[in-house]
């Protein structure tokens, strides 16, 4: 399981591999290895990028739906449960760098950790390749 394997799964090759490594780095791993960065900042950006592209898609696909319905639809798509399901499809948990304690306590299958990493990967793709890379 390498970064290259993960790139093949997601169908995107990073120009800046460090962005992807950071997106896959949980804070427990960064703390144990005294790394300056983990995926939390990317997670923050990824949440907004996902919210935007989902809103844009719903807006264009459901032209007769009112704002309140679109908001509920977006919330059901961009939530921990849904993101975890998407992340499972690409085996994201297997590629996350995490500390030993987190690893032993089942972190690779913890929805909060894996869905946060999913958002971080989306942000890394966005930074590396632009908005079209993350659009459906």
C-alpha atoms as a PDB file:
ATOM      1  CA  UNK A   1       0.000   0.000   0.000  1.00  0.00           C
ATOM      2  CA  UNK A   2       1.749   3.078  -1.252  1.00  0.00           C
ATOM      3  CA  UNK A   3       0.859   6.627  -2.142  1.00  0.00           C
ATOM      4  CA  UNK A   4       1.060   5.586  -5.798  1.00  0.00           C
ATOM      5  CA  UNK A   5      -1.443   2.780  -5.171  1.00  0.00           C
ATOM      6  CA  UNK A   6      -3.824   5.270  -3.589  1.00  0.00           C
ATOM      7  CA  UNK A   7      -3.432   7.673  -6.512  1.00  0.00           C
ATOM      8  CA  UNK A   8      -4.374   4.832  -8.868  1.00  0.00           C
ATOM      9  CA  UNK A   9      -7.499   4.100  -6.818  1.00  0.00           C
ATOM     10  CA  UNK A  10      -8.674   7.718  -6.860  1.00  0.00           C
ATOM     11  CA  UNK A  11      -7.652   8.239 -10.466  1.00  0.00           C
ATOM     12  CA  UNK A  12      -5.561  11.316  -9.793  1.00  0.00           C
ATOM     13  CA  UNK A  13      -1.771  11.707  -9.762  1.00  0.00           C
ATOM     14  CA  UNK A  14      -0.535  14.510  -7.563  1.00  0.00           C
ATOM     15  CA  UNK A  15       2.039  16.944  -8.845  1.00  0.00           C
ATOM     16  CA  UNK A  16       2.887  17.710  -5.205  1.00  0.00           C
ATOM     17  CA  UNK A  17       3.048  14.373  -3.356  1.00  0.00           C
ATOM     18  CA  UNK A  18       3.612  16.182  -0.044  1.00  0.00           C
ATOM     19  CA  UNK A  19       0.065  17.541  -0.241  1.00  0.00           C
ATOM     20  CA  UNK A  20      -1.303  14.014  -0.419  1.00  0.00           C
ATOM     21  CA  UNK A  21       0.972  12.830   2.387  1.00  0.00           C
ATOM     22  CA  UNK A  22      -0.260  15.677   4.584  1.00  0.00           C
ATOM     23  CA  UNK A  23      -3.887  14.877   3.706  1.00  0.00           C
ATOM     24  CA  UNK A  24      -3.313  11.304   4.839  1.00  0.00           C
ATOM     25  CA  UNK A  25      -1.534  12.264   8.091  1.00  0.00           C
ATOM     26  CA  UNK A  26      -3.660  11.996  11.224  1.00  0.00           C
ATOM     27  CA  UNK A  27      -2.685  14.206  14.165  1.00  0.00           C
ATOM     28  CA  UNK A  28      -1.697  11.145  16.234  1.00  0.00           C
ATOM     29  CA  UNK A  29       0.963  10.217  13.671  1.00  0.00           C
ATOM     30  CA  UNK A  30       2.176  13.806  13.377  1.00  0.00           C
ATOM     31  CA  UNK A  31       2.480  14.045  17.174  1.00  0.00           C
ATOM     32  CA  UNK A  32       4.321  10.723  17.531  1.00  0.00           C
ATOM     33  CA  UNK A  33       6.738  11.580  14.741  1.00  0.00           C
ATOM     34  CA  UNK A  34       7.113  15.276  15.605  1.00  0.00           C
ATOM     35  CA  UNK A  35       5.868  16.371  12.193  1.00  0.00           C
ATOM     36  CA  UNK A  36       4.917  20.012  11.706  1.00  0.00           C
ATOM     37  CA  UNK A  37       1.656  19.246   9.838  1.00  0.00           C
ATOM     38  CA  UNK A  38      -1.328  16.941   9.962  1.00  0.00           C
ATOM     39  CA  UNK A  39      -4.489  16.834   7.868  1.00  0.00           C
ATOM     40  CA  UNK A  40      -6.682  19.087  10.023  1.00  0.00           C
ATOM     41  CA  UNK A  41      -6.219  22.315   8.025  1.00  0.00           C
ATOM     42  CA  UNK A  42      -6.827  20.462   4.772  1.00  0.00           C
ATOM     43  CA  UNK A  43      -9.914  18.878   6.323  1.00  0.00           C
ATOM     44  CA  UNK A  44     -11.255  22.384   7.021  1.00  0.00           C
ATOM     45  CA  UNK A  45     -10.810  23.430   3.398  1.00  0.00           C
ATOM     46  CA  UNK A  46     -12.080  20.112   2.037  1.00  0.00           C
ATOM     47  CA  UNK A  47     -15.337  20.487   3.927  1.00  0.00           C
ATOM     48  CA  UNK A  48     -15.967  23.800   2.161  1.00  0.00           C
ATOM     49  CA  UNK A  49     -14.885  22.496  -1.250  1.00  0.00           C
ATOM     50  CA  UNK A  50     -17.222  19.498  -0.894  1.00  0.00           C
ATOM     51  CA  UNK A  51     -20.029  21.749   0.266  1.00  0.00           C
ATOM     52  CA  UNK A  52     -19.545  24.032  -2.713  1.00  0.00           C
ATOM     53  CA  UNK A  53     -19.335  21.380  -5.431  1.00  0.00           C
ATOM     54  CA  UNK A  54     -22.284  19.518  -3.920  1.00  0.00           C
ATOM     55  CA  UNK A  55     -24.350  22.707  -3.768  1.00  0.00           C
ATOM     56  CA  UNK A  56     -23.382  23.565  -7.341  1.00  0.00           C
ATOM     57  CA  UNK A  57     -24.359  20.076  -8.538  1.00  0.00           C
ATOM     58  CA  UNK A  58     -27.687  20.041  -6.679  1.00  0.00           C
ATOM     59  CA  UNK A  59     -28.488  23.566  -7.879  1.00  0.00           C
ATOM     60  CA  UNK A  60     -27.986  22.569 -11.515  1.00  0.00           C
ATOM     61  CA  UNK A  61     -29.665  19.142 -11.293  1.00  0.00           C
ATOM     62  CA  UNK A  62     -32.751  20.031  -9.263  1.00  0.00           C
ATOM     63  CA  UNK A  63     -33.900  23.296 -10.820  1.00  0.00           C
ATOM     64  CA  UNK A  64     -37.405  23.229  -9.346  1.00  0.00           C
ATOM     65  CA  UNK A  65     -36.429  22.407  -5.758  1.00  0.00           C
ATOM     66  CA  UNK A  66     -36.547  25.241  -3.203  1.00  0.00           C
ATOM     67  CA  UNK A  67     -33.527  26.302  -1.170  1.00  0.00           C
ATOM     68  CA  UNK A  68     -34.621  24.454   1.970  1.00  0.00           C
ATOM     69  CA  UNK A  69     -34.792  21.114   0.148  1.00  0.00           C
ATOM     70  CA  UNK A  70     -31.426  21.706  -1.512  1.00  0.00           C
ATOM     71  CA  UNK A  71     -29.908  22.481   1.879  1.00  0.00           C
ATOM     72  CA  UNK A  72     -31.233  19.223   3.324  1.00  0.00           C
ATOM     73  CA  UNK A  73     -29.957  17.266   0.324  1.00  0.00           C
ATOM     74  CA  UNK A  74     -26.503  18.824   0.624  1.00  0.00           C
ATOM     75  CA  UNK A  75     -26.418  18.074   4.356  1.00  0.00           C
ATOM     76  CA  UNK A  76     -27.249  14.423   3.693  1.00  0.00           C
ATOM     77  CA  UNK A  77     -24.423  14.128   1.152  1.00  0.00           C
ATOM     78  CA  UNK A  78     -21.741  16.112   2.983  1.00  0.00           C
ATOM     79  CA  UNK A  79     -21.933  14.447   6.399  1.00  0.00           C
ATOM     80  CA  UNK A  80     -19.702  12.053   8.297  1.00  0.00           C
ATOM     81  CA  UNK A  81     -21.834   8.999   7.528  1.00  0.00           C
ATOM     82  CA  UNK A  82     -21.905   9.609   3.762  1.00  0.00           C
ATOM     83  CA  UNK A  83     -18.259  10.630   3.523  1.00  0.00           C
ATOM     84  CA  UNK A  84     -17.265   7.494   5.433  1.00  0.00           C
ATOM     85  CA  UNK A  85     -19.137   5.372   2.874  1.00  0.00           C
ATOM     86  CA  UNK A  86     -17.358   7.126  -0.010  1.00  0.00           C
ATOM     87  CA  UNK A  87     -14.028   6.694   1.783  1.00  0.00           C
ATOM     88  CA  UNK A  88     -14.655   2.982   2.315  1.00  0.00           C
ATOM     89  CA  UNK A  89     -15.148   2.538  -1.442  1.00  0.00           C
ATOM     90  CA  UNK A  90     -11.578   3.724  -2.017  1.00  0.00           C
ATOM     91  CA  UNK A  91     -10.133   1.927   1.047  1.00  0.00           C
ATOM     92  CA  UNK A  92      -8.984   5.268   2.431  1.00  0.00           C
ATOM     93  CA  UNK A  93      -8.547   3.971   5.986  1.00  0.00           C
ATOM     94  CA  UNK A  94      -5.739   1.683   4.835  1.00  0.00           C
ATOM     95  CA  UNK A  95      -3.682   4.649   3.619  1.00  0.00           C
ATOM     96  CA  UNK A  96      -3.958   6.974   6.615  1.00  0.00           C
ATOM     97  CA  UNK A  97      -0.761   7.552   8.587  1.00  0.00           C
ATOM     98  CA  UNK A  98      -1.793   7.256  12.233  1.00  0.00           C
ATOM     99  CA  UNK A  99      -0.153   6.813  15.577  1.00  0.00           C
ATOM    100  CA  UNK A 100       0.215   3.421  17.225  1.00  0.00           C
ATOM    101  CA  UNK A 101      -2.460   4.066  19.844  1.00  0.00           C
ATOM    102  CA  UNK A 102      -4.992   5.183  17.267  1.00  0.00           C
ATOM    103  CA  UNK A 103      -4.091   2.212  15.084  1.00  0.00           C
ATOM    104  CA  UNK A 104      -4.590  -0.272  17.928  1.00  0.00           C
ATOM    105  CA  UNK A 105      -7.917   1.253  18.971  1.00  0.00           C
ATOM    106  CA  UNK A 106      -9.447   0.768  15.510  1.00  0.00           C
ATOM    107  CA  UNK A 107      -8.783   4.204  14.060  1.00  0.00           C
ATOM    108  CA  UNK A 108      -8.657   2.946  10.484  1.00  0.00           C
ATOM    109  CA  UNK A 109     -12.340   2.073  10.738  1.00  0.00           C
ATOM    110  CA  UNK A 110     -13.469   5.052  12.810  1.00  0.00           C
ATOM    111  CA  UNK A 111     -15.900   7.141  10.732  1.00  0.00           C
ATOM    112  CA  UNK A 112     -14.738  10.464  12.185  1.00  0.00           C
ATOM    113  CA  UNK A 113     -11.081   9.839  11.295  1.00  0.00           C
ATOM    114  CA  UNK A 114     -11.716   8.390   7.851  1.00  0.00           C
ATOM    115  CA  UNK A 115     -14.312  10.972   6.798  1.00  0.00           C
ATOM    116  CA  UNK A 116     -12.009  13.780   7.970  1.00  0.00           C
ATOM    117  CA  UNK A 117      -9.197  12.293   5.875  1.00  0.00           C
ATOM    118  CA  UNK A 118     -11.590  12.126   2.910  1.00  0.00           C
ATOM    119  CA  UNK A 119     -12.219  15.866   3.217  1.00  0.00           C
ATOM    120  CA  UNK A 120      -8.472  16.472   3.494  1.00  0.00           C
ATOM    121  CA  UNK A 121      -7.801  14.469   0.319  1.00  0.00           C
ATOM    122  CA  UNK A 122     -10.447  16.499  -1.537  1.00  0.00           C
ATOM    123  CA  UNK A 123      -8.736  19.709  -0.394  1.00  0.00           C
ATOM    124  CA  UNK A 124      -5.328  18.401  -1.450  1.00  0.00           C
ATOM    125  CA  UNK A 125      -6.688  17.515  -4.891  1.00  0.00           C
ATOM    126  CA  UNK A 126      -8.275  20.958  -5.156  1.00  0.00           C
ATOM    127  CA  UNK A 127      -5.022  22.735  -4.248  1.00  0.00           C
ATOM    128  CA  UNK A 128      -2.954  20.496  -6.513  1.00  0.00           C
ATOM    129  CA  UNK A 129      -5.194  20.439  -9.574  1.00  0.00           C
ATOM    130  CA  UNK A 130      -7.993  22.970  -9.253  1.00  0.00           C
ATOM    131  CA  UNK A 131     -11.735  22.767  -8.888  1.00  0.00           C
ATOM    132  CA  UNK A 132     -12.349  20.670 -12.010  1.00  0.00           C
ATOM    133  CA  UNK A 133     -10.337  17.810 -10.502  1.00  0.00           C
ATOM    134  CA  UNK A 134     -12.845  17.426  -7.654  1.00  0.00           C
ATOM    135  CA  UNK A 135     -16.044  18.028  -9.604  1.00  0.00           C
ATOM    136  CA  UNK A 136     -18.158  14.960 -10.442  1.00  0.00           C
END
